[in-house]
Protein backbone atom coordinates (compact mmCIF):
# COMPACT_ATOMS: atom_id res chain seq x y z
CA MET A 1 90.66 126.80 78.31
CA GLU A 2 91.09 123.74 76.15
CA ASP A 3 89.38 123.47 72.76
CA ARG A 4 86.77 120.95 73.90
CA GLU A 5 85.61 123.21 76.71
CA LYS A 6 85.68 126.27 74.47
CA ILE A 7 83.45 124.60 71.85
CA ARG A 8 80.97 123.63 74.60
CA VAL A 9 80.77 127.28 75.64
CA LEU A 10 80.44 128.42 72.03
CA LEU A 11 77.75 125.85 71.24
CA SER A 12 75.70 126.94 74.24
CA HIS A 13 76.04 130.57 73.16
CA TRP A 14 75.12 129.82 69.55
CA ILE A 15 72.06 127.79 70.61
CA GLU A 16 70.70 130.68 72.66
CA HIS A 17 71.67 133.25 70.04
CA ASN A 18 69.81 131.35 67.31
CA ALA A 19 66.75 130.97 69.54
CA GLU A 20 66.75 134.73 70.13
CA HIS A 21 66.90 135.35 66.38
CA ALA A 22 64.04 132.92 65.75
CA ARG A 23 61.87 134.66 68.36
CA GLU A 24 62.66 138.05 66.84
CA PHE A 25 61.85 136.83 63.32
CA LEU A 26 58.48 135.55 64.50
CA LYS A 27 57.74 138.81 66.28
CA TRP A 28 58.43 140.76 63.11
CA ALA A 29 56.45 138.29 60.99
CA GLU A 30 53.37 139.43 62.91
CA LYS A 31 54.11 143.05 62.01
CA ALA A 32 55.15 142.69 58.37
CA SER A 33 52.61 140.56 56.55
CA GLU A 34 54.27 141.03 53.15
CA VAL A 35 57.35 139.13 54.35
CA ALA A 36 55.77 137.05 57.11
CA GLU A 37 56.17 133.76 55.26
CA GLU A 38 59.89 134.33 54.68
CA LEU A 39 60.47 135.39 58.29
CA ARG A 40 58.65 132.31 59.58
CA ARG A 41 60.75 130.12 57.28
CA ALA A 42 63.92 131.82 58.53
CA ALA A 43 62.79 131.15 62.12
CA GLN A 44 62.32 127.48 61.24
CA TYR A 45 65.84 127.35 59.81
CA MET A 46 67.23 128.91 62.98
CA GLU A 47 65.35 126.34 65.06
CA GLU A 48 66.71 123.54 62.86
CA ALA A 49 70.24 124.91 63.25
CA GLY A 50 69.66 125.02 67.00
CA ARG A 51 68.73 121.34 67.01
CA ALA A 52 71.91 120.49 65.09
CA LEU A 53 73.95 122.50 67.59
CA GLU A 54 72.16 120.77 70.48
CA ALA A 55 73.11 117.41 68.96
CA ALA A 56 76.73 118.51 68.69
CA LEU A 57 76.70 119.66 72.31
CA GLY A 58 75.17 116.36 73.34
CA LYS A 59 77.99 114.46 71.63
CA LEU A 60 80.56 116.51 73.53
CA GLY A 61 78.74 116.00 76.80
CA ARG A 62 77.12 118.85 78.65
CA ARG A 63 78.67 120.42 81.68
């Protein structure tokens, strides 16, 4: 597998992985009010990272 194809695969994986983390953070924010704000902020950061990774994937061209 050439590097360009490998990074496409990795980007797709990272995008989904970050989305899973964000969902999990939000789930736990509902259960742990004393840290809910921080968990929601962390979820926002994961979503922002996902958007940056989506942009990178878009520049490489999706397959």
